[in-house]
Protein backbone atom coordinates (compact mmCIF):
# COMPACT_ATOMS: atom_id res chain seq x y z
CA MET A 1 10.35 10.72 -35.00
CA ASN A 2 6.86 9.31 -35.51
CA ASN A 3 4.06 9.09 -32.96
CA LYS A 4 4.66 5.38 -32.43
CA ASN A 5 8.25 5.99 -31.31
CA ILE A 6 7.13 8.84 -29.07
CA ASN A 7 4.52 6.62 -27.43
CA ASN A 8 7.07 3.82 -26.97
CA ASN A 9 9.50 6.22 -25.30
CA GLN A 10 6.77 7.51 -23.02
CA LEU A 11 5.82 3.94 -22.12
CA GLU A 12 9.42 3.01 -21.33
CA ARG A 13 9.81 6.03 -19.04
CA ALA A 14 6.53 5.22 -17.30
CA LEU A 15 7.58 1.61 -16.72
CA LYS A 16 10.95 2.67 -15.29
CA ASN A 17 9.27 5.15 -12.96
CA LEU A 18 6.85 2.47 -11.77
CA GLU A 19 9.68 0.05 -11.10
CA LYS A 20 11.49 2.71 -9.06
CA ARG A 21 8.35 3.31 -7.02
CA LEU A 22 8.03 -0.42 -6.35
CA ILE A 23 11.62 -0.58 -5.10
CA ASN A 24 11.33 2.63 -3.04
CA ASN A 25 8.15 1.39 -1.37
CA ILE A 26 10.01 -1.51 0.22
CA ASP A 27 10.29 -1.24 3.99
CA GLU A 28 13.96 -0.29 4.28
CA ASN A 29 13.70 -0.33 8.07
CA ASN A 30 12.54 -3.92 8.22
CA ASP A 31 15.25 -5.44 10.42
CA LEU A 32 13.64 -8.85 10.03
CA ARG A 33 14.68 -9.19 6.41
CA ASN A 34 17.55 -11.54 7.17
CA ASP A 35 15.74 -13.55 9.82
CA ILE A 36 13.51 -16.56 9.34
CA LEU A 37 10.55 -16.04 11.61
CA HIS A 38 9.29 -19.46 12.58
CA ASN A 39 5.95 -18.07 13.66
CA LEU A 40 4.32 -21.43 14.16
CA ASP A 41 3.21 -21.04 17.76
CA ASN A 42 0.34 -18.67 17.10
CA LYS A 43 -3.21 -19.70 17.75
CA PRO A 44 -4.71 -21.21 14.57
CA SER A 45 -6.81 -18.67 12.70
CA LYS A 46 -10.01 -19.02 10.73
CA ARG A 47 -7.84 -19.99 7.73
CA ASN A 48 -6.94 -23.17 9.59
CA TYR A 49 -3.22 -22.57 10.12
CA ARG A 50 -1.68 -25.44 11.99
CA LYS A 51 0.26 -25.04 15.21
CA LYS A 52 3.87 -26.31 15.12
CA GLU A 53 3.44 -28.27 11.91
CA PRO A 54 6.65 -30.22 11.10
CA LYS A 55 7.99 -28.68 7.92
CA GLN A 56 9.22 -31.99 6.56
CA ASN A 57 5.64 -33.26 6.54
CA PHE A 58 4.22 -31.21 3.68
CA HIS A 59 2.69 -31.67 0.24
CA GLY A 60 3.33 -28.32 -1.43
CA ALA A 61 5.01 -24.96 -0.95
CA GLY A 62 5.06 -21.52 -2.52
CA THR A 63 6.30 -17.97 -2.29
CA ILE A 64 4.68 -14.59 -1.82
CA PHE A 65 6.65 -11.42 -2.63
CA THR A 66 5.40 -8.24 -0.97
CA ASN A 67 6.35 -5.03 0.83
CA ASN A 68 3.09 -5.31 2.81
CA ARG A 69 1.48 -2.71 0.56
CA VAL A 70 1.59 -4.44 -2.82
CA VAL A 71 1.98 -8.11 -3.69
CA ILE A 72 3.32 -9.74 -6.86
CA CYS A 73 0.87 -12.29 -8.29
CA GLY A 74 0.36 -14.55 -11.26
CA TYR A 75 -2.66 -14.36 -13.55
CA GLN A 76 -3.22 -18.09 -13.92
CA ARG A 77 -4.79 -20.05 -16.72
CA LYS A 78 -7.94 -22.01 -15.93
CA TYR A 79 -7.58 -25.74 -15.49
CA THR A 80 -9.73 -28.69 -14.49
CA GLY A 81 -12.06 -27.60 -11.71
CA ASN A 82 -11.76 -23.89 -12.51
CA LYS A 83 -14.07 -22.42 -15.11
CA ARG A 84 -12.15 -19.18 -15.59
CA ASN A 85 -8.68 -17.67 -15.29
CA PHE A 86 -7.77 -16.45 -11.81
CA ILE A 87 -5.08 -14.62 -9.83
CA SER A 88 -2.86 -16.65 -7.52
CA GLY A 89 0.54 -16.83 -5.89
CA PHE A 90 3.48 -18.93 -7.07
CA GLY A 91 3.89 -22.49 -5.84
CA GLY A 92 2.93 -26.10 -6.25
CA SER A 93 3.44 -29.69 -5.24
CA ARG A 94 6.51 -31.26 -3.73
CA GLU A 95 8.68 -33.43 -5.97
CA GLY A 96 10.72 -36.34 -4.64
CA ASN A 97 12.62 -35.61 -1.43
CA GLU A 98 12.61 -31.83 -1.80
CA ASP A 99 12.47 -29.70 1.33
CA TYR A 100 9.87 -26.94 1.41
CA MET A 101 12.34 -24.22 0.36
CA GLU A 102 13.42 -26.19 -2.71
CA THR A 103 9.81 -26.84 -3.68
CA ALA A 104 8.82 -23.19 -3.29
CA ILE A 105 11.74 -21.76 -5.28
CA ARG A 106 11.56 -24.38 -8.04
CA GLU A 107 7.82 -23.88 -8.50
CA THR A 108 8.23 -20.09 -8.52
CA ILE A 109 10.87 -20.21 -11.26
CA GLU A 110 8.89 -22.74 -13.30
CA GLU A 111 5.71 -20.66 -13.19
CA ILE A 112 7.28 -17.26 -13.81
CA TYR A 113 9.78 -18.24 -16.52
CA ASP A 114 8.05 -21.23 -18.13
CA PHE A 115 11.31 -22.87 -19.24
CA GLU A 116 10.92 -25.64 -21.80
CA ASN A 117 13.18 -27.94 -19.79
CA LYS A 118 11.77 -28.21 -16.25
CA ASN A 119 15.00 -29.80 -14.99
CA LEU A 120 16.47 -26.66 -13.41
CA PRO A 121 20.07 -26.48 -12.15
CA ARG A 122 20.20 -27.57 -8.52
CA LYS A 123 23.11 -25.19 -7.93
CA MET A 124 20.98 -22.24 -9.02
CA ILE A 125 18.10 -23.17 -6.70
CA ASN A 126 20.50 -23.63 -3.76
CA GLU A 127 22.14 -20.25 -4.40
CA ILE A 128 18.75 -18.54 -4.45
CA ILE A 129 17.80 -20.20 -1.16
CA LYS A 130 21.06 -19.00 0.42
CA SER A 131 20.77 -15.48 -1.03
CA ILE A 132 17.21 -14.56 -0.07
CA LYS A 133 15.87 -14.93 3.45
CA PRO A 134 12.14 -15.12 4.17
CA SER A 135 10.53 -12.88 6.77
CA HIS A 136 7.82 -15.41 7.55
CA ILE A 137 7.06 -19.10 7.05
CA GLU A 138 3.55 -20.40 7.61
CA PRO A 139 2.07 -23.89 7.22
CA ILE A 140 -1.49 -23.88 5.93
CA VAL A 141 -3.68 -26.94 6.31
CA GLU A 142 -6.32 -27.53 3.66
CA ASN A 143 -8.81 -30.28 3.08
CA LYS A 144 -8.74 -31.70 -0.44
CA LYS A 145 -11.20 -34.44 -1.24
CA GLY A 146 -11.35 -35.50 2.38
CA LYS A 147 -7.56 -35.64 2.79
CA GLU A 148 -5.32 -33.26 4.68
CA TYR A 149 -3.04 -31.18 2.44
CA ILE A 150 -0.23 -29.18 4.06
CA TYR A 151 1.07 -26.19 2.13
CA ILE A 152 4.03 -24.08 3.31
CA MET A 153 3.71 -20.37 2.47
CA ILE A 154 7.02 -18.45 2.46
CA LYS A 155 7.00 -14.65 2.54
CA TYR A 156 9.76 -12.57 0.91
CA ASN A 157 10.14 -8.89 0.14
CA LEU A 158 10.46 -7.26 -3.29
CA ARG A 159 14.24 -6.99 -3.18
CA ASP A 160 14.35 -10.75 -2.75
CA LEU A 161 12.45 -11.13 -6.02
CA GLN A 162 14.98 -8.80 -7.64
CA THR A 163 17.80 -11.02 -6.34
CA LEU A 164 16.06 -14.16 -7.62
CA THR A 165 15.75 -12.51 -11.04
CA GLU A 166 19.46 -11.68 -11.13
CA ILE A 167 20.52 -15.20 -10.14
CA VAL A 168 18.26 -16.87 -12.71
CA ASP A 169 19.61 -14.53 -15.39
CA TYR A 170 23.20 -15.40 -14.42
CA TYR A 171 22.70 -19.16 -14.55
CA MET A 172 20.28 -19.44 -17.46
CA LYS A 173 21.36 -16.76 -19.96
CA LYS A 174 24.02 -19.04 -21.46
CA SER A 175 21.84 -22.12 -21.25
CA ASP A 176 20.06 -23.69 -24.20
CA ASN A 177 16.97 -23.97 -22.00
CA ILE A 178 14.48 -21.59 -23.61
CA SER A 179 11.96 -19.51 -21.67
CA ASN A 180 8.55 -19.46 -23.32
CA ALA A 181 7.60 -16.38 -21.29
CA TYR A 182 10.48 -14.05 -22.16
CA GLU A 183 12.19 -13.24 -25.42
CA GLU A 184 15.20 -12.23 -23.31
CA LEU A 185 15.59 -13.19 -19.66
CA PRO A 186 14.60 -10.34 -17.32
CA ARG A 187 17.32 -8.65 -15.29
CA ASP A 188 15.16 -6.65 -12.90
CA LEU A 189 11.61 -6.31 -11.60
CA GLU A 190 10.53 -3.98 -14.38
CA GLU A 191 11.44 -6.50 -17.06
CA LEU A 192 10.14 -9.42 -14.99
CA ILE A 193 6.67 -7.87 -14.77
CA PHE A 194 6.26 -5.89 -17.97
CA MET A 195 8.32 -7.77 -20.54
CA ARG A 196 6.61 -11.09 -19.88
CA ARG A 197 4.46 -12.62 -22.60
CA ASP A 198 1.97 -15.46 -22.55
CA GLY A 199 4.03 -18.48 -23.49
CA GLY A 200 1.14 -20.90 -23.10
CA GLY A 201 2.15 -22.08 -19.64
CA GLU A 202 0.34 -22.04 -16.33
CA ILE A 203 0.84 -18.31 -15.69
CA ILE A 204 -0.43 -15.89 -18.34
CA SER A 205 1.03 -12.69 -16.92
CA ILE A 206 2.51 -11.12 -13.79
CA CYS A 207 0.45 -8.54 -11.91
CA VAL A 208 0.79 -6.20 -8.93
CA LEU A 209 -2.09 -5.89 -6.45
CA PRO A 210 -2.65 -3.77 -3.33
CA VAL A 211 -2.64 -5.79 -0.12
CA ASP A 212 -4.91 -3.78 2.18
CA GLU A 213 -8.35 -3.88 0.58
CA VAL A 214 -8.13 -6.46 -2.17
CA ARG A 215 -8.96 -9.48 -0.02
CA GLY A 216 -12.20 -11.04 -1.21
CA LYS A 217 -13.53 -7.82 -2.70
CA ASN A 218 -14.35 -6.69 -6.19
CA LEU A 219 -12.68 -3.27 -6.22
CA ILE A 220 -12.46 -2.56 -9.94
CA ASP A 221 -14.55 0.43 -10.99
CA ASN A 222 -17.15 -0.41 -13.65
CA GLY A 223 -15.94 2.45 -15.81
CA PHE A 224 -12.39 1.14 -15.64
CA LYS A 225 -13.66 -2.32 -16.55
CA ASN A 226 -15.10 -0.76 -19.70
CA ASP A 227 -11.74 0.89 -20.40
CA ILE A 228 -9.98 -2.45 -20.04
CA ASP A 229 -12.49 -4.10 -22.36
CA PHE A 230 -11.83 -1.35 -24.91
CA LEU A 231 -8.06 -1.98 -24.67
CA TYR A 232 -8.62 -5.71 -25.08
CA GLN A 233 -10.74 -5.23 -28.20
CA LEU A 234 -8.18 -2.74 -29.58
CA ALA A 235 -5.32 -5.18 -28.98
CA LYS A 236 -7.24 -7.92 -30.83
CA LYS A 237 -7.54 -5.64 -33.87
CA VAL A 238 -3.84 -4.79 -33.80
CA ASN A 239 -2.83 -8.43 -33.53
């Protein structure tokens, strides 16, 4: 067995161990998992949350998957108005007469999987909505070009993302709708995160970030930045 195979085996074991740690870190004692917490009566915060915002009156919606210690994010490609790539959640604008749950789940699947045909099966989206239950729903009011923009943020846990992955795999694996982000559709969180490639869509890659101290801070050690730059240059030579 050559060194390349040894390194590949070591990498596979490391990825599986990381995935197990992600699953085990989920709050198993969270009794609120199957409840929708309509926490809309709180006093608006500095982020300009709106009190009792009607959920049918919204412009966009998205999901956030977390165990309150780590959060799953998308490394997003720059677009008009943004000069560089950036990390964001999954979500986007409402289409037609969608409700906020339909918008959030559709946008999440579109951004993660980058299917060539954006016309996703309605039955699949409905099954996902029925199968995963958010622990929190929050309307966020933003001001865009002088107009009010209402975005519904829906919080799920990591097992919910696992369930979403399984349902998408079930419905889409026999479809002729090709994913630009995956050579084979992922069946679990490990494959969802680590087997994803840059298919040229909105999201370049999936990443995992700590929740506690990452907010608005640059926490990456300068030495580690140099290590990452070395890996990037090395990957360019290999490719």
